[in-house]
Structures are given as structure tokens and as C-alpha cells.
Amino acid sequence: MERIIPLWVVQVILAFIALFFVLFGVNLLYMAYQINDPFSFIMTFFSSNLIILIGTVLFISFILKIYRGFNKNTDKKE
């Protein structure tokens, strides 16, 4: 049975969501430097770095899945 939505389309959508979280983390990191309270700065700084790290890893994994999916499809056609 054929899928209604191809798998690579789902991966592209998830990659854009992961990219959104990377950009959100960068924005949060920028806002962390505006905070005057040291405790709030440290908590915001580390949380923004964690968001950036997780978003980047997810973005790279979705891009690799798209790449592998296209390579697998081209191997079958030949």
C-alpha cells in the first residue's frame, strides 16, 4: 500500500521544526545576555544551549534520513 504522504515530506517538516528550535535557542541565548540577575542568567544560558544542542542534533538526523532515503530510492531504480 502506497503512503499518502511520502516519508521524505514528513522528514522535511520535522527538519523545519528542529530548525525552529535551533533559532529559538539562539534567540533565548541572546536574551540571556540581557538579564541582570546572575542566577537567572546562568539558568537561561544553559537551557538555551541545551535547546540549541538538541535542535541541531535532530536537524542533522532528519537531513541524514532524507539523504539516505533518496539514495535508497535511486539504488532501487538502477
PDB file of N, CA and C in Angstrom:
ATOM      1  N   MET A   1       0.835  -1.181   0.000  1.00  0.00           N
ATOM      2  CA  MET A   1       0.000   0.000   0.000  1.00  0.00           C
ATOM      3  C   MET A   1       0.884   1.250   0.000  1.00  0.00           C
ATOM      4  N   GLU A   2       0.578   2.138  -0.877  1.00  0.00           N
ATOM      5  CA  GLU A   2       1.340   3.385  -1.031  1.00  0.00           C
ATOM      6  C   GLU A   2       0.968   4.372   0.077  1.00  0.00           C
ATOM      7  N   ARG A   3       1.980   5.094   0.562  1.00  0.00           N
ATOM      8  CA  ARG A   3       1.726   6.122   1.568  1.00  0.00           C
ATOM      9  C   ARG A   3       1.067   7.333   0.929  1.00  0.00           C
ATOM     10  N   ILE A   4       0.172   7.966   1.677  1.00  0.00           N
ATOM     11  CA  ILE A   4      -0.461   9.185   1.185  1.00  0.00           C
ATOM     12  C   ILE A   4       0.559  10.320   1.142  1.00  0.00           C
ATOM     13  N   ILE A   5       1.317  10.471   2.218  1.00  0.00           N
ATOM     14  CA  ILE A   5       2.375  11.479   2.291  1.00  0.00           C
ATOM     15  C   ILE A   5       3.712  10.741   2.266  1.00  0.00           C
ATOM     16  N   PRO A   6       4.590  11.058   1.330  1.00  0.00           N
ATOM     17  CA  PRO A   6       5.890  10.377   1.286  1.00  0.00           C
ATOM     18  C   PRO A   6       6.685  10.613   2.575  1.00  0.00           C
ATOM     19  N   LEU A   7       7.538   9.658   2.878  1.00  0.00           N
ATOM     20  CA  LEU A   7       8.310   9.726   4.123  1.00  0.00           C
ATOM     21  C   LEU A   7       9.256  10.921   4.145  1.00  0.00           C
ATOM     22  N   TRP A   8       9.778  11.293   2.974  1.00  0.00           N
ATOM     23  CA  TRP A   8      10.716  12.411   2.961  1.00  0.00           C
ATOM     24  C   TRP A   8      10.016  13.730   3.245  1.00  0.00           C
ATOM     25  N   VAL A   9       8.734  13.849   2.931  1.00  0.00           N
ATOM     26  CA  VAL A   9       7.991  15.082   3.228  1.00  0.00           C
ATOM     27  C   VAL A   9       7.844  15.238   4.744  1.00  0.00           C
ATOM     28  N   VAL A  10       7.574  14.141   5.413  1.00  0.00           N
ATOM     29  CA  VAL A  10       7.470  14.177   6.880  1.00  0.00           C
ATOM     30  C   VAL A  10       8.809  14.571   7.492  1.00  0.00           C
ATOM     31  N   GLN A  11       9.903  14.033   6.938  1.00  0.00           N
ATOM     32  CA  GLN A  11      11.230  14.363   7.459  1.00  0.00           C
ATOM     33  C   GLN A  11      11.578  15.828   7.221  1.00  0.00           C
ATOM     34  N   VAL A  12      11.155  16.383   6.101  1.00  0.00           N
ATOM     35  CA  VAL A  12      11.409  17.804   5.825  1.00  0.00           C
ATOM     36  C   VAL A  12      10.639  18.677   6.812  1.00  0.00           C
ATOM     37  N   ILE A  13       9.395  18.316   7.087  1.00  0.00           N
ATOM     38  CA  ILE A  13       8.601  19.074   8.061  1.00  0.00           C
ATOM     39  C   ILE A  13       9.251  19.014   9.440  1.00  0.00           C
ATOM     40  N   LEU A  14       9.702  17.827   9.834  1.00  0.00           N
ATOM     41  CA  LEU A  14      10.376  17.690  11.130  1.00  0.00           C
ATOM     42  C   LEU A  14      11.700  18.444  11.160  1.00  0.00           C
ATOM     43  N   ALA A  15      12.397  18.505  10.032  1.00  0.00           N
ATOM     44  CA  ALA A  15      13.649  19.270   9.962  1.00  0.00           C
ATOM     45  C   ALA A  15      13.377  20.759  10.155  1.00  0.00           C
ATOM     46  N   PHE A  16      12.287  21.259   9.569  1.00  0.00           N
ATOM     47  CA  PHE A  16      11.935  22.672   9.772  1.00  0.00           C
ATOM     48  C   PHE A  16      11.552  22.947  11.229  1.00  0.00           C
ATOM     49  N   ILE A  17      10.883  22.005  11.869  1.00  0.00           N
ATOM     50  CA  ILE A  17      10.547  22.176  13.289  1.00  0.00           C
ATOM     51  C   ILE A  17      11.824  22.203  14.122  1.00  0.00           C
ATOM     52  N   ALA A  18      12.771  21.308  13.823  1.00  0.00           N
ATOM     53  CA  ALA A  18      14.045  21.296  14.544  1.00  0.00           C
ATOM     54  C   ALA A  18      14.814  22.590  14.303  1.00  0.00           C
ATOM     55  N   LEU A  19      14.770  23.100  13.075  1.00  0.00           N
ATOM     56  CA  LEU A  19      15.437  24.369  12.775  1.00  0.00           C
ATOM     57  C   LEU A  19      14.801  25.524  13.538  1.00  0.00           C
ATOM     58  N   PHE A  20      13.469  25.472  13.703  1.00  0.00           N
ATOM     59  CA  PHE A  20      12.790  26.476  14.515  1.00  0.00           C
ATOM     60  C   PHE A  20      13.324  26.466  15.943  1.00  0.00           C
ATOM     61  N   PHE A  21      13.522  25.269  16.513  1.00  0.00           N
ATOM     62  CA  PHE A  21      14.022  25.196  17.885  1.00  0.00           C
ATOM     63  C   PHE A  21      15.466  25.672  17.988  1.00  0.00           C
ATOM     64  N   VAL A  22      16.265  25.452  16.957  1.00  0.00           N
ATOM     65  CA  VAL A  22      17.628  25.988  16.965  1.00  0.00           C
ATOM     66  C   VAL A  22      17.583  27.514  16.986  1.00  0.00           C
ATOM     67  N   LEU A  23      16.752  28.090  16.133  1.00  0.00           N
ATOM     68  CA  LEU A  23      16.637  29.552  16.099  1.00  0.00           C
ATOM     69  C   LEU A  23      16.035  30.099  17.387  1.00  0.00           C
ATOM     70  N   PHE A  24      15.081  29.369  17.960  1.00  0.00           N
ATOM     71  CA  PHE A  24      14.519  29.775  19.246  1.00  0.00           C
ATOM     72  C   PHE A  24      15.591  29.750  20.337  1.00  0.00           C
ATOM     73  N   GLY A  25      16.445  28.733  20.323  1.00  0.00           N
ATOM     74  CA  GLY A  25      17.531  28.646  21.301  1.00  0.00           C
ATOM     75  C   GLY A  25      18.530  29.769  21.145  1.00  0.00           C
ATOM     76  N   VAL A  26      18.836  30.142  19.908  1.00  0.00           N
ATOM     77  CA  VAL A  26      19.758  31.261  19.673  1.00  0.00           C
ATOM     78  C   VAL A  26      19.137  32.564  20.170  1.00  0.00           C
ATOM     79  N   ASN A  27      17.850  32.742  19.924  1.00  0.00           N
ATOM     80  CA  ASN A  27      17.163  33.935  20.417  1.00  0.00           C
ATOM     81  C   ASN A  27      17.155  33.961  21.948  1.00  0.00           C
ATOM     82  N   LEU A  28      16.932  32.820  22.559  1.00  0.00           N
ATOM     83  CA  LEU A  28      16.939  32.730  24.019  1.00  0.00           C
ATOM     84  C   LEU A  28      18.337  33.012  24.574  1.00  0.00           C
ATOM     85  N   LEU A  29      19.365  32.555  23.868  1.00  0.00           N
ATOM     86  CA  LEU A  29      20.737  32.832  24.278  1.00  0.00           C
ATOM     87  C   LEU A  29      21.026  34.328  24.208  1.00  0.00           C
ATOM     88  N   TYR A  30      20.542  34.968  23.157  1.00  0.00           N
ATOM     89  CA  TYR A  30      20.713  36.422  23.040  1.00  0.00           C
ATOM     90  C   TYR A  30      20.001  37.140  24.183  1.00  0.00           C
ATOM     91  N   MET A  31      18.787  36.678  24.511  1.00  0.00           N
ATOM     92  CA  MET A  31      18.041  37.320  25.594  1.00  0.00           C
ATOM     93  C   MET A  31      18.674  37.046  26.957  1.00  0.00           C
ATOM     94  N   ALA A  32      19.409  35.945  27.086  1.00  0.00           N
ATOM     95  CA  ALA A  32      20.054  35.639  28.362  1.00  0.00           C
ATOM     96  C   ALA A  32      21.078  36.700  28.726  1.00  0.00           C
ATOM     97  N   TYR A  33      21.739  37.249  27.725  1.00  0.00           N
ATOM     98  CA  TYR A  33      22.743  38.277  27.996  1.00  0.00           C
ATOM     99  C   TYR A  33      22.133  39.620  28.378  1.00  0.00           C
ATOM    100  N   GLN A  34      20.824  39.756  28.259  1.00  0.00           N
ATOM    101  CA  GLN A  34      20.136  40.975  28.667  1.00  0.00           C
ATOM    102  C   GLN A  34      19.724  40.935  30.143  1.00  0.00           C
ATOM    103  N   ILE A  35      19.830  39.762  30.768  1.00  0.00           N
ATOM    104  CA  ILE A  35      19.365  39.571  32.151  1.00  0.00           C
ATOM    105  C   ILE A  35      20.444  40.056  33.116  1.00  0.00           C
ATOM    106  N   ASN A  36      20.029  40.779  34.137  1.00  0.00           N
ATOM    107  CA  ASN A  36      20.976  41.304  35.133  1.00  0.00           C
ATOM    108  C   ASN A  36      21.161  40.367  36.319  1.00  0.00           C
ATOM    109  N   ASP A  37      20.191  39.533  36.618  1.00  0.00           N
ATOM    110  CA  ASP A  37      20.277  38.606  37.747  1.00  0.00           C
ATOM    111  C   ASP A  37      21.194  37.434  37.371  1.00  0.00           C
ATOM    112  N   PRO A  38      22.269  37.175  38.155  1.00  0.00           N
ATOM    113  CA  PRO A  38      23.228  36.120  37.790  1.00  0.00           C
ATOM    114  C   PRO A  38      22.605  34.715  37.749  1.00  0.00           C
ATOM    115  N   PHE A  39      21.740  34.390  38.694  1.00  0.00           N
ATOM    116  CA  PHE A  39      21.126  33.063  38.714  1.00  0.00           C
ATOM    117  C   PHE A  39      20.238  32.858  37.493  1.00  0.00           C
ATOM    118  N   SER A  40      19.437  33.850  37.178  1.00  0.00           N
ATOM    119  CA  SER A  40      18.566  33.739  36.004  1.00  0.00           C
ATOM    120  C   SER A  40      19.385  33.685  34.719  1.00  0.00           C
ATOM    121  N   PHE A  41      20.486  34.414  34.681  1.00  0.00           N
ATOM    122  CA  PHE A  41      21.351  34.356  33.512  1.00  0.00           C
ATOM    123  C   PHE A  41      21.905  32.956  33.308  1.00  0.00           C
ATOM    124  N   ILE A  42      22.434  32.360  34.373  1.00  0.00           N
ATOM    125  CA  ILE A  42      23.032  31.024  34.262  1.00  0.00           C
ATOM    126  C   ILE A  42      21.986  29.997  33.834  1.00  0.00           C
ATOM    127  N   MET A  43      20.802  30.038  34.427  1.00  0.00           N
ATOM    128  CA  MET A  43      19.751  29.073  34.082  1.00  0.00           C
ATOM    129  C   MET A  43      19.291  29.261  32.637  1.00  0.00           C
ATOM    130  N   THR A  44      19.124  30.496  32.198  1.00  0.00           N
ATOM    131  CA  THR A  44      18.691  30.761  30.830  1.00  0.00           C
ATOM    132  C   THR A  44      19.786  30.411  29.836  1.00  0.00           C
ATOM    133  N   PHE A  45      21.030  30.691  30.197  1.00  0.00           N
ATOM    134  CA  PHE A  45      22.162  30.393  29.329  1.00  0.00           C
ATOM    135  C   PHE A  45      22.270  28.893  29.065  1.00  0.00           C
ATOM    136  N   PHE A  46      22.239  28.097  30.131  1.00  0.00           N
ATOM    137  CA  PHE A  46      22.385  26.654  29.952  1.00  0.00           C
ATOM    138  C   PHE A  46      21.161  26.029  29.290  1.00  0.00           C
ATOM    139  N   SER A  47      19.980  26.531  29.580  1.00  0.00           N
ATOM    140  CA  SER A  47      18.790  25.982  28.924  1.00  0.00           C
ATOM    141  C   SER A  47      18.784  26.312  27.432  1.00  0.00           C
ATOM    142  N   SER A  48      19.225  27.513  27.067  1.00  0.00           N
ATOM    143  CA  SER A  48      19.268  27.859  25.645  1.00  0.00           C
ATOM    144  C   SER A  48      20.309  27.009  24.915  1.00  0.00           C
ATOM    145  N   ASN A  49      21.434  26.741  25.555  1.00  0.00           N
ATOM    146  CA  ASN A  49      22.443  25.884  24.929  1.00  0.00           C
ATOM    147  C   ASN A  49      21.938  24.452  24.760  1.00  0.00           C
ATOM    148  N   LEU A  50      21.161  23.964  25.715  1.00  0.00           N
ATOM    149  CA  LEU A  50      20.580  22.630  25.592  1.00  0.00           C
ATOM    150  C   LEU A  50      19.560  22.579  24.456  1.00  0.00           C
ATOM    151  N   ILE A  51      18.754  23.614  24.330  1.00  0.00           N
ATOM    152  CA  ILE A  51      17.776  23.681  23.231  1.00  0.00           C
ATOM    153  C   ILE A  51      18.495  23.710  21.886  1.00  0.00           C
ATOM    154  N   ILE A  52      19.561  24.490  21.789  1.00  0.00           N
ATOM    155  CA  ILE A  52      20.333  24.564  20.545  1.00  0.00           C
ATOM    156  C   ILE A  52      20.950  23.204  20.226  1.00  0.00           C
ATOM    157  N   LEU A  53      21.516  22.551  21.221  1.00  0.00           N
ATOM    158  CA  LEU A  53      22.160  21.256  21.008  1.00  0.00           C
ATOM    159  C   LEU A  53      21.165  20.200  20.539  1.00  0.00           C
ATOM    160  N   ILE A  54      20.044  20.084  21.209  1.00  0.00           N
ATOM    161  CA  ILE A  54      19.044  19.088  20.841  1.00  0.00           C
ATOM    162  C   ILE A  54      18.462  19.397  19.465  1.00  0.00           C
ATOM    163  N   GLY A  55      18.160  20.658  19.196  1.00  0.00           N
ATOM    164  CA  GLY A  55      17.626  21.037  17.889  1.00  0.00           C
ATOM    165  C   GLY A  55      18.600  20.761  16.759  1.00  0.00           C
ATOM    166  N   THR A  56      19.877  21.015  16.985  1.00  0.00           N
ATOM    167  CA  THR A  56      20.887  20.772  15.960  1.00  0.00           C
ATOM    168  C   THR A  56      21.039  19.283  15.677  1.00  0.00           C
ATOM    169  N   VAL A  57      21.075  18.471  16.726  1.00  0.00           N
ATOM    170  CA  VAL A  57      21.191  17.025  16.538  1.00  0.00           C
ATOM    171  C   VAL A  57      19.977  16.479  15.797  1.00  0.00           C
ATOM    172  N   LEU A  58      18.794  16.925  16.156  1.00  0.00           N
ATOM    173  CA  LEU A  58      17.593  16.469  15.457  1.00  0.00           C
ATOM    174  C   LEU A  58      17.593  16.929  14.003  1.00  0.00           C
ATOM    175  N   PHE A  59      18.007  18.167  13.750  1.00  0.00           N
ATOM    176  CA  PHE A  59      18.053  18.674  12.386  1.00  0.00           C
ATOM    177  C   PHE A  59      19.016  17.850  11.530  1.00  0.00           C
ATOM    178  N   ILE A  60      20.182  17.556  12.063  1.00  0.00           N
ATOM    179  CA  ILE A  60      21.163  16.755  11.317  1.00  0.00           C
ATOM    180  C   ILE A  60      20.634  15.346  11.067  1.00  0.00           C
ATOM    181  N   SER A  61      19.974  14.755  12.055  1.00  0.00           N
ATOM    182  CA  SER A  61      19.459  13.399  11.861  1.00  0.00           C
ATOM    183  C   SER A  61      18.346  13.357  10.830  1.00  0.00           C
ATOM    184  N   PHE A  62      17.482  14.370  10.800  1.00  0.00           N
ATOM    185  CA  PHE A  62      16.419  14.399   9.792  1.00  0.00           C
ATOM    186  C   PHE A  62      16.994  14.600   8.391  1.00  0.00           C
ATOM    187  N   ILE A  63      18.005  15.438   8.273  1.00  0.00           N
ATOM    188  CA  ILE A  63      18.647  15.645   6.975  1.00  0.00           C
ATOM    189  C   ILE A  63      19.326  14.365   6.504  1.00  0.00           C
ATOM    190  N   LEU A  64      19.979  13.640   7.412  1.00  0.00           N
ATOM    191  CA  LEU A  64      20.606  12.372   7.033  1.00  0.00           C
ATOM    192  C   LEU A  64      19.578  11.330   6.624  1.00  0.00           C
ATOM    193  N   LYS A  65      18.423  11.308   7.285  1.00  0.00           N
ATOM    194  CA  LYS A  65      17.367  10.373   6.902  1.00  0.00           C
ATOM    195  C   LYS A  65      16.834  10.695   5.513  1.00  0.00           C
ATOM    196  N   ILE A  66      16.695  11.969   5.201  1.00  0.00           N
ATOM    197  CA  ILE A  66      16.247  12.368   3.865  1.00  0.00           C
ATOM    198  C   ILE A  66      17.283  11.940   2.828  1.00  0.00           C
ATOM    199  N   TYR A  67      18.543  12.180   3.116  1.00  0.00           N
ATOM    200  CA  TYR A  67      19.622  11.819   2.192  1.00  0.00           C
ATOM    201  C   TYR A  67      19.663  10.310   1.956  1.00  0.00           C
ATOM    202  N   ARG A  68      19.583   9.528   3.033  1.00  0.00           N
ATOM    203  CA  ARG A  68      19.586   8.063   2.896  1.00  0.00           C
ATOM    204  C   ARG A  68      18.361   7.565   2.146  1.00  0.00           C
ATOM    205  N   GLY A  69      17.223   8.188   2.390  1.00  0.00           N
ATOM    206  CA  GLY A  69      16.005   7.785   1.696  1.00  0.00           C
ATOM    207  C   GLY A  69      16.094   8.010   0.204  1.00  0.00           C
ATOM    208  N   PHE A  70      16.667   9.140  -0.208  1.00  0.00           N
ATOM    209  CA  PHE A  70      16.815   9.410  -1.637  1.00  0.00           C
ATOM    210  C   PHE A  70      17.860   8.490  -2.269  1.00  0.00           C
ATOM    211  N   ASN A  71      18.929   8.186  -1.527  1.00  0.00           N
ATOM    212  CA  ASN A  71      19.933   7.267  -2.068  1.00  0.00           C
ATOM    213  C   ASN A  71      19.389   5.857  -2.182  1.00  0.00           C
ATOM    214  N   LYS A  72      18.557   5.442  -1.240  1.00  0.00           N
ATOM    215  CA  LYS A  72      17.967   4.114  -1.303  1.00  0.00           C
ATOM    216  C   LYS A  72      17.021   4.010  -2.490  1.00  0.00           C
ATOM    217  N   ASN A  73      16.265   5.062  -2.758  1.00  0.00           N
ATOM    218  CA  ASN A  73      15.336   5.063  -3.893  1.00  0.00           C
ATOM    219  C   ASN A  73      16.084   5.056  -5.231  1.00  0.00           C
ATOM    220  N   THR A  74      17.200   5.735  -5.318  1.00  0.00           N
ATOM    221  CA  THR A  74      17.958   5.746  -6.582  1.00  0.00           C
ATOM    222  C   THR A  74      18.640   4.403  -6.812  1.00  0.00           C
ATOM    223  N   ASP A  75      19.033   3.704  -5.755  1.00  0.00           N
ATOM    224  CA  ASP A  75      19.649   2.386  -5.907  1.00  0.00           C
ATOM    225  C   ASP A  75      18.647   1.367  -6.421  1.00  0.00           C
ATOM    226  N   LYS A  76      17.390   1.462  -6.013  1.00  0.00           N
ATOM    227  CA  LYS A  76      16.368   0.520  -6.454  1.00  0.00           C
ATOM    228  C   LYS A  76      16.030   0.693  -7.926  1.00  0.00           C
ATOM    229  N   LYS A  77      16.103   1.922  -8.432  1.00  0.00           N
ATOM    230  CA  LYS A  77      15.710   2.188  -9.819  1.00  0.00           C
ATOM    231  C   LYS A  77      16.750   1.682 -10.814  1.00  0.00           C
ATOM    232  N   GLU A  78      18.003   1.609 -10.402  1.00  0.00           N
ATOM    233  CA  GLU A  78      19.062   1.198 -11.331  1.00  0.00           C
ATOM    234  C   GLU A  78      19.152  -0.277 -11.481  1.00  0.00           C
TER     235      GLU A  78
END
